[in-house]
PDB file of N, CA and C in Angstrom:
ATOM      1  N   UNK A   1      22.452  23.294 100.056  1.00  0.00           N
ATOM      2  CA  UNK A   1      21.323  23.893  99.379  1.00  0.00           C
ATOM      3  C   UNK A   1      21.761  24.541  98.065  1.00  0.00           C
ATOM      4  N   UNK A   2      22.860  25.295  98.111  1.00  0.00           N
ATOM      5  CA  UNK A   2      23.313  25.959  96.887  1.00  0.00           C
ATOM      6  C   UNK A   2      23.831  24.950  95.878  1.00  0.00           C
ATOM      7  N   UNK A   3      24.259  23.761  96.340  1.00  0.00           N
ATOM      8  CA  UNK A   3      24.746  22.754  95.400  1.00  0.00           C
ATOM      9  C   UNK A   3      23.612  22.230  94.516  1.00  0.00           C
ATOM     10  N   UNK A   4      22.441  22.060  95.094  1.00  0.00           N
ATOM     11  CA  UNK A   4      21.292  21.621  94.284  1.00  0.00           C
ATOM     12  C   UNK A   4      20.924  22.683  93.252  1.00  0.00           C
ATOM     13  N   UNK A   5      20.941  23.933  93.676  1.00  0.00           N
ATOM     14  CA  UNK A   5      20.654  25.026  92.747  1.00  0.00           C
ATOM     15  C   UNK A   5      21.681  25.040  91.622  1.00  0.00           C
ATOM     16  N   UNK A   6      22.959  24.893  91.976  1.00  0.00           N
ATOM     17  CA  UNK A   6      24.039  24.897  90.986  1.00  0.00           C
ATOM     18  C   UNK A   6      23.873  23.741  90.001  1.00  0.00           C
ATOM     19  N   UNK A   7      23.556  22.560  90.510  1.00  0.00           N
ATOM     20  CA  UNK A   7      23.363  21.405  89.636  1.00  0.00           C
ATOM     21  C   UNK A   7      22.144  21.580  88.738  1.00  0.00           C
ATOM     22  N   UNK A   8      21.069  22.096  89.308  1.00  0.00           N
ATOM     23  CA  UNK A   8      19.821  22.239  88.555  1.00  0.00           C
ATOM     24  C   UNK A   8      19.900  23.332  87.498  1.00  0.00           C
ATOM     25  N   UNK A   9      20.516  24.469  87.841  1.00  0.00           N
ATOM     26  CA  UNK A   9      20.488  25.619  86.945  1.00  0.00           C
ATOM     27  C   UNK A   9      21.734  25.764  86.076  1.00  0.00           C
ATOM     28  N   UNK A  10      22.872  25.327  86.550  1.00  0.00           N
ATOM     29  CA  UNK A  10      24.102  25.511  85.784  1.00  0.00           C
ATOM     30  C   UNK A  10      24.533  24.212  85.102  1.00  0.00           C
ATOM     31  N   UNK A  11      24.752  23.170  85.883  1.00  0.00           N
ATOM     32  CA  UNK A  11      25.290  21.934  85.317  1.00  0.00           C
ATOM     33  C   UNK A  11      24.323  21.210  84.394  1.00  0.00           C
ATOM     34  N   UNK A  12      23.052  21.535  84.453  1.00  0.00           N
ATOM     35  CA  UNK A  12      22.080  20.888  83.561  1.00  0.00           C
ATOM     36  C   UNK A  12      22.052  21.546  82.182  1.00  0.00           C
ATOM     37  N   UNK A  13      22.663  22.693  82.041  1.00  0.00           N
ATOM     38  CA  UNK A  13      22.725  23.400  80.756  1.00  0.00           C
ATOM     39  C   UNK A  13      24.194  23.460  80.317  1.00  0.00           C
ATOM     40  N   UNK A  14      24.508  22.758  79.247  1.00  0.00           N
ATOM     41  CA  UNK A  14      25.901  22.664  78.799  1.00  0.00           C
ATOM     42  C   UNK A  14      26.469  24.032  78.456  1.00  0.00           C
ATOM     43  N   UNK A  15      25.708  24.882  77.775  1.00  0.00           N
ATOM     44  CA  UNK A  15      26.214  26.193  77.392  1.00  0.00           C
ATOM     45  C   UNK A  15      26.513  27.044  78.614  1.00  0.00           C
ATOM     46  N   UNK A  16      25.648  26.974  79.636  1.00  0.00           N
ATOM     47  CA  UNK A  16      25.864  27.750  80.852  1.00  0.00           C
ATOM     48  C   UNK A  16      27.030  27.180  81.657  1.00  0.00           C
ATOM     49  N   UNK A  17      27.165  25.857  81.630  1.00  0.00           N
ATOM     50  CA  UNK A  17      28.309  25.227  82.287  1.00  0.00           C
ATOM     51  C   UNK A  17      29.607  25.733  81.675  1.00  0.00           C
ATOM     52  N   UNK A  18      29.632  25.855  80.346  1.00  0.00           N
ATOM     53  CA  UNK A  18      30.825  26.350  79.659  1.00  0.00           C
ATOM     54  C   UNK A  18      31.114  27.808  80.024  1.00  0.00           C
ATOM     55  N   UNK A  19      30.078  28.621  80.095  1.00  0.00           N
ATOM     56  CA  UNK A  19      30.249  30.033  80.470  1.00  0.00           C
ATOM     57  C   UNK A  19      30.774  30.145  81.905  1.00  0.00           C
ATOM     58  N   UNK A  20      30.170  29.400  82.826  1.00  0.00           N
ATOM     59  CA  UNK A  20      30.602  29.432  84.227  1.00  0.00           C
ATOM     60  C   UNK A  20      32.016  28.884  84.365  1.00  0.00           C
ATOM     61  N   UNK A  21      32.362  27.874  83.564  1.00  0.00           N
ATOM     62  CA  UNK A  21      33.724  27.346  83.551  1.00  0.00           C
ATOM     63  C   UNK A  21      34.712  28.459  83.212  1.00  0.00           C
ATOM     64  N   UNK A  22      34.421  29.225  82.180  1.00  0.00           N
ATOM     65  CA  UNK A  22      35.302  30.326  81.785  1.00  0.00           C
ATOM     66  C   UNK A  22      35.399  31.410  82.844  1.00  0.00           C
ATOM     67  N   UNK A  23      34.261  31.762  83.424  1.00  0.00           N
ATOM     68  CA  UNK A  23      34.266  32.800  84.462  1.00  0.00           C
ATOM     69  C   UNK A  23      35.020  32.354  85.708  1.00  0.00           C
ATOM     70  N   UNK A  24      34.848  31.089  86.075  1.00  0.00           N
ATOM     71  CA  UNK A  24      35.550  30.590  87.261  1.00  0.00           C
ATOM     72  C   UNK A  24      37.046  30.468  86.990  1.00  0.00           C
ATOM     73  N   UNK A  25      37.418  30.153  85.762  1.00  0.00           N
ATOM     74  CA  UNK A  25      38.834  30.111  85.393  1.00  0.00           C
ATOM     75  C   UNK A  25      39.454  31.496  85.524  1.00  0.00           C
ATOM     76  N   UNK A  26      38.743  32.503  85.048  1.00  0.00           N
ATOM     77  CA  UNK A  26      39.218  33.882  85.169  1.00  0.00           C
ATOM     78  C   UNK A  26      39.283  34.286  86.638  1.00  0.00           C
ATOM     79  N   UNK A  27      38.245  33.943  87.414  1.00  0.00           N
ATOM     80  CA  UNK A  27      38.236  34.262  88.842  1.00  0.00           C
ATOM     81  C   UNK A  27      39.393  33.625  89.584  1.00  0.00           C
ATOM     82  N   UNK A  28      39.689  32.370  89.249  1.00  0.00           N
ATOM     83  CA  UNK A  28      40.819  31.697  89.876  1.00  0.00           C
ATOM     84  C   UNK A  28      42.134  32.357  89.488  1.00  0.00           C
ATOM     85  N   UNK A  29      42.265  32.684  88.230  1.00  0.00           N
ATOM     86  CA  UNK A  29      43.500  33.314  87.757  1.00  0.00           C
ATOM     87  C   UNK A  29      43.736  34.673  88.390  1.00  0.00           C
ATOM     88  N   UNK A  30      42.718  35.494  88.405  1.00  0.00           N
ATOM     89  CA  UNK A  30      42.849  36.831  89.000  1.00  0.00           C
ATOM     90  C   UNK A  30      43.077  36.732  90.502  1.00  0.00           C
ATOM     91  N   UNK A  31      42.353  35.824  91.145  1.00  0.00           N
ATOM     92  CA  UNK A  31      42.474  35.684  92.591  1.00  0.00           C
ATOM     93  C   UNK A  31      43.811  35.149  93.044  1.00  0.00           C
ATOM     94  N   UNK A  32      44.420  34.304  92.232  1.00  0.00           N
ATOM     95  CA  UNK A  32      45.680  33.704  92.660  1.00  0.00           C
ATOM     96  C   UNK A  32      46.911  34.413  92.110  1.00  0.00           C
ATOM     97  N   UNK A  33      46.704  35.358  91.236  1.00  0.00           N
ATOM     98  CA  UNK A  33      47.817  36.087  90.643  1.00  0.00           C
ATOM     99  C   UNK A  33      48.616  36.823  91.718  1.00  0.00           C
ATOM    100  N   UNK A  34      49.854  36.520  91.819  1.00  0.00           N
ATOM    101  CA  UNK A  34      50.794  37.163  92.742  1.00  0.00           C
ATOM    102  C   UNK A  34      50.458  36.978  94.226  1.00  0.00           C
ATOM    103  N   UNK A  35      49.593  36.026  94.560  1.00  0.00           N
ATOM    104  CA  UNK A  35      49.267  35.840  95.972  1.00  0.00           C
ATOM    105  C   UNK A  35      50.494  35.481  96.797  1.00  0.00           C
ATOM    106  N   UNK A  36      51.365  34.651  96.246  1.00  0.00           N
ATOM    107  CA  UNK A  36      52.577  34.274  96.974  1.00  0.00           C
ATOM    108  C   UNK A  36      53.422  35.505  97.278  1.00  0.00           C
ATOM    109  N   UNK A  37      53.592  36.363  96.294  1.00  0.00           N
ATOM    110  CA  UNK A  37      54.412  37.569  96.491  1.00  0.00           C
ATOM    111  C   UNK A  37      53.764  38.529  97.489  1.00  0.00           C
ATOM    112  N   UNK A  38      52.456  38.646  97.424  1.00  0.00           N
ATOM    113  CA  UNK A  38      51.757  39.530  98.360  1.00  0.00           C
ATOM    114  C   UNK A  38      51.816  38.998  99.788  1.00  0.00           C
ATOM    115  N   UNK A  39      51.649  37.685  99.951  1.00  0.00           N
ATOM    116  CA  UNK A  39      51.783  37.090 101.286  1.00  0.00           C
ATOM    117  C   UNK A  39      53.193  37.284 101.823  1.00  0.00           C
ATOM    118  N   UNK A  40      54.178  37.084 100.981  1.00  0.00           N
ATOM    119  CA  UNK A  40      55.568  37.250 101.384  1.00  0.00           C
ATOM    120  C   UNK A  40      55.845  38.694 101.794  1.00  0.00           C
ATOM    121  N   UNK A  41      55.384  39.643 101.006  1.00  0.00           N
ATOM    122  CA  UNK A  41      55.594  41.062 101.321  1.00  0.00           C
ATOM    123  C   UNK A  41      54.874  41.443 102.616  1.00  0.00           C
ATOM    124  N   UNK A  42      53.654  40.927 102.795  1.00  0.00           N
ATOM    125  CA  UNK A  42      52.904  41.226 104.012  1.00  0.00           C
ATOM    126  C   UNK A  42      53.592  40.637 105.239  1.00  0.00           C
ATOM    127  N   UNK A  43      54.091  39.422 105.126  1.00  0.00           N
ATOM    128  CA  UNK A  43      54.787  38.787 106.250  1.00  0.00           C
ATOM    129  C   UNK A  43      56.067  39.557 106.602  1.00  0.00           C
ATOM    130  N   UNK A  44      56.791  39.989 105.589  1.00  0.00           N
ATOM    131  CA  UNK A  44      58.003  40.791 105.861  1.00  0.00           C
ATOM    132  C   UNK A  44      57.649  42.110 106.526  1.00  0.00           C
ATOM    133  N   UNK A  45      56.577  42.733 106.045  1.00  0.00           N
ATOM    134  CA  UNK A  45      56.126  44.010 106.609  1.00  0.00           C
ATOM    135  C   UNK A  45      55.738  43.851 108.079  1.00  0.00           C
ATOM    136  N   UNK A  46      54.927  42.821 108.356  1.00  0.00           N
ATOM    137  CA  UNK A  46      54.514  42.581 109.739  1.00  0.00           C
ATOM    138  C   UNK A  46      55.698  42.189 110.612  1.00  0.00           C
ATOM    139  N   UNK A  47      56.602  41.391 110.065  1.00  0.00           N
ATOM    140  CA  UNK A  47      57.773  40.973 110.827  1.00  0.00           C
ATOM    141  C   UNK A  47      58.737  42.109 111.100  1.00  0.00           C
ATOM    142  N   UNK A  48      58.861  42.999 110.147  1.00  0.00           N
ATOM    143  CA  UNK A  48      59.820  44.106 110.275  1.00  0.00           C
ATOM    144  C   UNK A  48      59.308  45.213 111.185  1.00  0.00           C
ATOM    145  N   UNK A  49      58.034  45.540 111.071  1.00  0.00           N
ATOM    146  CA  UNK A  49      57.502  46.692 111.806  1.00  0.00           C
ATOM    147  C   UNK A  49      56.604  46.319 112.982  1.00  0.00           C
ATOM    148  N   UNK A  50      56.274  45.044 113.115  1.00  0.00           N
ATOM    149  CA  UNK A  50      55.551  44.549 114.274  1.00  0.00           C
ATOM    150  C   UNK A  50      54.212  45.209 114.523  1.00  0.00           C
ATOM    151  N   UNK A  51      54.041  45.688 115.741  1.00  0.00           N
ATOM    152  CA  UNK A  51      52.764  46.253 116.182  1.00  0.00           C
ATOM    153  C   UNK A  51      52.390  47.502 115.385  1.00  0.00           C
ATOM    154  N   UNK A  52      53.384  48.271 114.996  1.00  0.00           N
ATOM    155  CA  UNK A  52      53.104  49.461 114.192  1.00  0.00           C
ATOM    156  C   UNK A  52      52.470  49.064 112.855  1.00  0.00           C
ATOM    157  N   UNK A  53      52.941  47.963 112.274  1.00  0.00           N
ATOM    158  CA  UNK A  53      52.372  47.482 111.018  1.00  0.00           C
ATOM    159  C   UNK A  53      50.934  47.005 111.205  1.00  0.00           C
ATOM    160  N   UNK A  54      50.652  46.403 112.355  1.00  0.00           N
ATOM    161  CA  UNK A  54      49.284  45.955 112.647  1.00  0.00           C
ATOM    162  C   UNK A  54      48.356  47.163 112.714  1.00  0.00           C
ATOM    163  N   UNK A  55      48.791  48.229 113.392  1.00  0.00           N
ATOM    164  CA  UNK A  55      47.967  49.437 113.496  1.00  0.00           C
ATOM    165  C   UNK A  55      47.822  50.152 112.155  1.00  0.00           C
ATOM    166  N   UNK A  56      48.809  49.987 111.279  1.00  0.00           N
ATOM    167  CA  UNK A  56      48.752  50.614 109.956  1.00  0.00           C
ATOM    168  C   UNK A  56      47.954  49.804 108.943  1.00  0.00           C
ATOM    169  N   UNK A  57      47.407  48.684 109.352  1.00  0.00           N
ATOM    170  CA  UNK A  57      46.557  47.899 108.465  1.00  0.00           C
ATOM    171  C   UNK A  57      47.185  46.627 107.939  1.00  0.00           C
ATOM    172  N   UNK A  58      48.337  46.258 108.440  1.00  0.00           N
ATOM    173  CA  UNK A  58      48.996  45.050 107.963  1.00  0.00           C
ATOM    174  C   UNK A  58      48.217  43.785 108.271  1.00  0.00           C
ATOM    175  N   UNK A  59      47.589  43.727 109.432  1.00  0.00           N
ATOM    176  CA  UNK A  59      46.787  42.563 109.802  1.00  0.00           C
ATOM    177  C   UNK A  59      45.518  42.493 108.952  1.00  0.00           C
ATOM    178  N   UNK A  60      44.919  43.639 108.702  1.00  0.00           N
ATOM    179  CA  UNK A  60      43.722  43.678 107.852  1.00  0.00           C
ATOM    180  C   UNK A  60      44.078  43.214 106.441  1.00  0.00           C
ATOM    181  N   UNK A  61      45.227  43.655 105.966  1.00  0.00           N
ATOM    182  CA  UNK A  61      45.663  43.236 104.636  1.00  0.00           C
ATOM    183  C   UNK A  61      45.883  41.721 104.596  1.00  0.00           C
ATOM    184  N   UNK A  62      46.439  41.158 105.643  1.00  0.00           N
ATOM    185  CA  UNK A  62      46.641  39.713 105.715  1.00  0.00           C
ATOM    186  C   UNK A  62      45.299  38.982 105.668  1.00  0.00           C
ATOM    187  N   UNK A  63      44.313  39.478 106.393  1.00  0.00           N
ATOM    188  CA  UNK A  63      42.982  38.869 106.371  1.00  0.00           C
ATOM    189  C   UNK A  63      42.336  38.978 104.989  1.00  0.00           C
ATOM    190  N   UNK A  64      42.538  40.113 104.323  1.00  0.00           N
ATOM    191  CA  UNK A  64      42.018  40.280 102.968  1.00  0.00           C
ATOM    192  C   UNK A  64      42.699  39.316 102.003  1.00  0.00           C
ATOM    193  N   UNK A  65      43.989  39.090 102.183  1.00  0.00           N
ATOM    194  CA  UNK A  65      44.702  38.131 101.342  1.00  0.00           C
ATOM    195  C   UNK A  65      44.179  36.716 101.570  1.00  0.00           C
ATOM    196  N   UNK A  66      43.894  36.369 102.812  1.00  0.00           N
ATOM    197  CA  UNK A  66      43.328  35.053 103.112  1.00  0.00           C
ATOM    198  C   UNK A  66      41.947  34.893 102.484  1.00  0.00           C
ATOM    199  N   UNK A  67      41.140  35.938 102.547  1.00  0.00           N
ATOM    200  CA  UNK A  67      39.823  35.907 101.916  1.00  0.00           C
ATOM    201  C   UNK A  67      39.959  35.731 100.407  1.00  0.00           C
ATOM    202  N   UNK A  68      40.895  36.440  99.802  1.00  0.00           N
ATOM    203  CA  UNK A  68      41.147  36.298  98.371  1.00  0.00           C
ATOM    204  C   UNK A  68      41.569  34.874  98.040  1.00  0.00           C
ATOM    205  N   UNK A  69      42.362  34.301  98.918  1.00  0.00           N
ATOM    206  CA  UNK A  69      42.798  32.911  98.738  1.00  0.00           C
ATOM    207  C   UNK A  69      41.600  31.964  98.712  1.00  0.00           C
ATOM    208  N   UNK A  70      40.700  32.123  99.656  1.00  0.00           N
ATOM    209  CA  UNK A  70      39.539  31.240  99.726  1.00  0.00           C
ATOM    210  C   UNK A  70      38.564  31.484  98.574  1.00  0.00           C
ATOM    211  N   UNK A  71      38.428  32.725  98.137  1.00  0.00           N
ATOM    212  CA  UNK A  71      37.587  32.997  96.968  1.00  0.00           C
ATOM    213  C   UNK A  71      38.191  32.376  95.713  1.00  0.00           C
ATOM    214  N   UNK A  72      39.495  32.436  95.608  1.00  0.00           N
ATOM    215  CA  UNK A  72      40.187  31.806  94.496  1.00  0.00           C
ATOM    216  C   UNK A  72      40.006  30.297  94.531  1.00  0.00           C
ATOM    217  N   UNK A  73      40.082  29.725  95.718  1.00  0.00           N
ATOM    218  CA  UNK A  73      39.872  28.286  95.880  1.00  0.00           C
ATOM    219  C   UNK A  73      38.443  27.904  95.500  1.00  0.00           C
ATOM    220  N   UNK A  74      37.483  28.712  95.895  1.00  0.00           N
ATOM    221  CA  UNK A  74      36.085  28.448  95.533  1.00  0.00           C
ATOM    222  C   UNK A  74      35.910  28.503  94.015  1.00  0.00           C
ATOM    223  N   UNK A  75      36.564  29.447  93.362  1.00  0.00           N
ATOM    224  CA  UNK A  75      36.506  29.527  91.900  1.00  0.00           C
ATOM    225  C   UNK A  75      37.097  28.279  91.271  1.00  0.00           C
ATOM    226  N   UNK A  76      38.170  27.766  91.861  1.00  0.00           N
ATOM    227  CA  UNK A  76      38.791  26.560  91.344  1.00  0.00           C
ATOM    228  C   UNK A  76      37.854  25.355  91.480  1.00  0.00           C
ATOM    229  N   UNK A  77      37.166  25.260  92.592  1.00  0.00           N
ATOM    230  CA  UNK A  77      36.236  24.145  92.804  1.00  0.00           C
ATOM    231  C   UNK A  77      35.092  24.207  91.792  1.00  0.00           C
ATOM    232  N   UNK A  78      34.558  25.398  91.549  1.00  0.00           N
ATOM    233  CA  UNK A  78      33.507  25.563  90.545  1.00  0.00           C
ATOM    234  C   UNK A  78      34.045  25.193  89.165  1.00  0.00           C
ATOM    235  N   UNK A  79      35.262  25.619  88.866  1.00  0.00           N
ATOM    236  CA  UNK A  79      35.903  25.283  87.597  1.00  0.00           C
ATOM    237  C   UNK A  79      35.993  23.769  87.422  1.00  0.00           C
ATOM    238  N   UNK A  80      36.443  23.060  88.459  1.00  0.00           N
ATOM    239  CA  UNK A  80      36.597  21.614  88.379  1.00  0.00           C
ATOM    240  C   UNK A  80      35.243  20.912  88.217  1.00  0.00           C
ATOM    241  N   UNK A  81      34.204  21.414  88.872  1.00  0.00           N
ATOM    242  CA  UNK A  81      32.866  20.823  88.730  1.00  0.00           C
ATOM    243  C   UNK A  81      32.371  20.978  87.294  1.00  0.00           C
ATOM    244  N   UNK A  82      32.559  22.158  86.738  1.00  0.00           N
ATOM    245  CA  UNK A  82      32.141  22.397  85.356  1.00  0.00           C
ATOM    246  C   UNK A  82      32.976  21.567  84.382  1.00  0.00           C
ATOM    247  N   UNK A  83      34.263  21.475  84.646  1.00  0.00           N
ATOM    248  CA  UNK A  83      35.144  20.673  83.797  1.00  0.00           C
ATOM    249  C   UNK A  83      34.708  19.204  83.816  1.00  0.00           C
ATOM    250  N   UNK A  84      34.388  18.704  84.990  1.00  0.00           N
ATOM    251  CA  UNK A  84      33.929  17.318  85.131  1.00  0.00           C
ATOM    252  C   UNK A  84      32.656  17.090  84.324  1.00  0.00           C
ATOM    253  N   UNK A  85      31.707  17.999  84.455  1.00  0.00           N
ATOM    254  CA  UNK A  85      30.433  17.878  83.732  1.00  0.00           C
ATOM    255  C   UNK A  85      30.656  17.905  82.229  1.00  0.00           C
ATOM    256  N   UNK A  86      31.473  18.830  81.749  1.00  0.00           N
ATOM    257  CA  UNK A  86      31.712  18.939  80.318  1.00  0.00           C
ATOM    258  C   UNK A  86      32.494  17.744  79.788  1.00  0.00           C
ATOM    259  N   UNK A  87      33.437  17.260  80.570  1.00  0.00           N
ATOM    260  CA  UNK A  87      34.211  16.078  80.148  1.00  0.00           C
ATOM    261  C   UNK A  87      33.302  14.867  79.988  1.00  0.00           C
ATOM    262  N   UNK A  88      32.397  14.676  80.938  1.00  0.00           N
ATOM    263  CA  UNK A  88      31.464  13.551  80.843  1.00  0.00           C
ATOM    264  C   UNK A  88      30.501  13.734  79.681  1.00  0.00           C
ATOM    265  N   UNK A  89      30.096  14.941  79.421  1.00  0.00           N
ATOM    266  CA  UNK A  89      29.205  15.208  78.292  1.00  0.00           C
ATOM    267  C   UNK A  89      29.916  14.913  76.974  1.00  0.00           C
ATOM    268  N   UNK A  90      31.155  15.363  76.841  1.00  0.00           N
ATOM    269  CA  UNK A  90      31.906  15.117  75.608  1.00  0.00           C
ATOM    270  C   UNK A  90      32.197  13.631  75.399  1.00  0.00           C
ATOM    271  N   UNK A  91      32.451  12.914  76.495  1.00  0.00           N
ATOM    272  CA  UNK A  91      32.747  11.489  76.402  1.00  0.00           C
ATOM    273  C   UNK A  91      31.486  10.644  76.218  1.00  0.00           C
ATOM    274  N   UNK A  92      30.329  11.253  76.376  1.00  0.00           N
ATOM    275  CA  UNK A  92      29.069  10.543  76.191  1.00  0.00           C
ATOM    276  C   UNK A  92      28.612   9.726  77.385  1.00  0.00           C
ATOM    277  N   UNK A  93      29.053  10.113  78.579  1.00  0.00           N
ATOM    278  CA  UNK A  93      28.659   9.377  79.795  1.00  0.00           C
ATOM    279  C   UNK A  93      27.385   9.931  80.362  1.00  0.00           C
TER     280      UNK A  93
END
């Protein structure tokens, strides 16, 4: 359902597609910045302190990192859709 809305309202307007492309690029960049290091630090923390780390919020932090990962992935997918639309528009397809 949201895909039809996205196609109708965003991808049908080149200027809005360009704006959303930029915003999704920023969202992907911010969301993926240092994710590897944060996952590594969280895994070491949970591995080193075990159950105490879980009670201190280590598991919640891991879930938040996973959510950030998926939000970053969603931003990337939106970026690629906008890029595809703009590429076809520029090429005259």
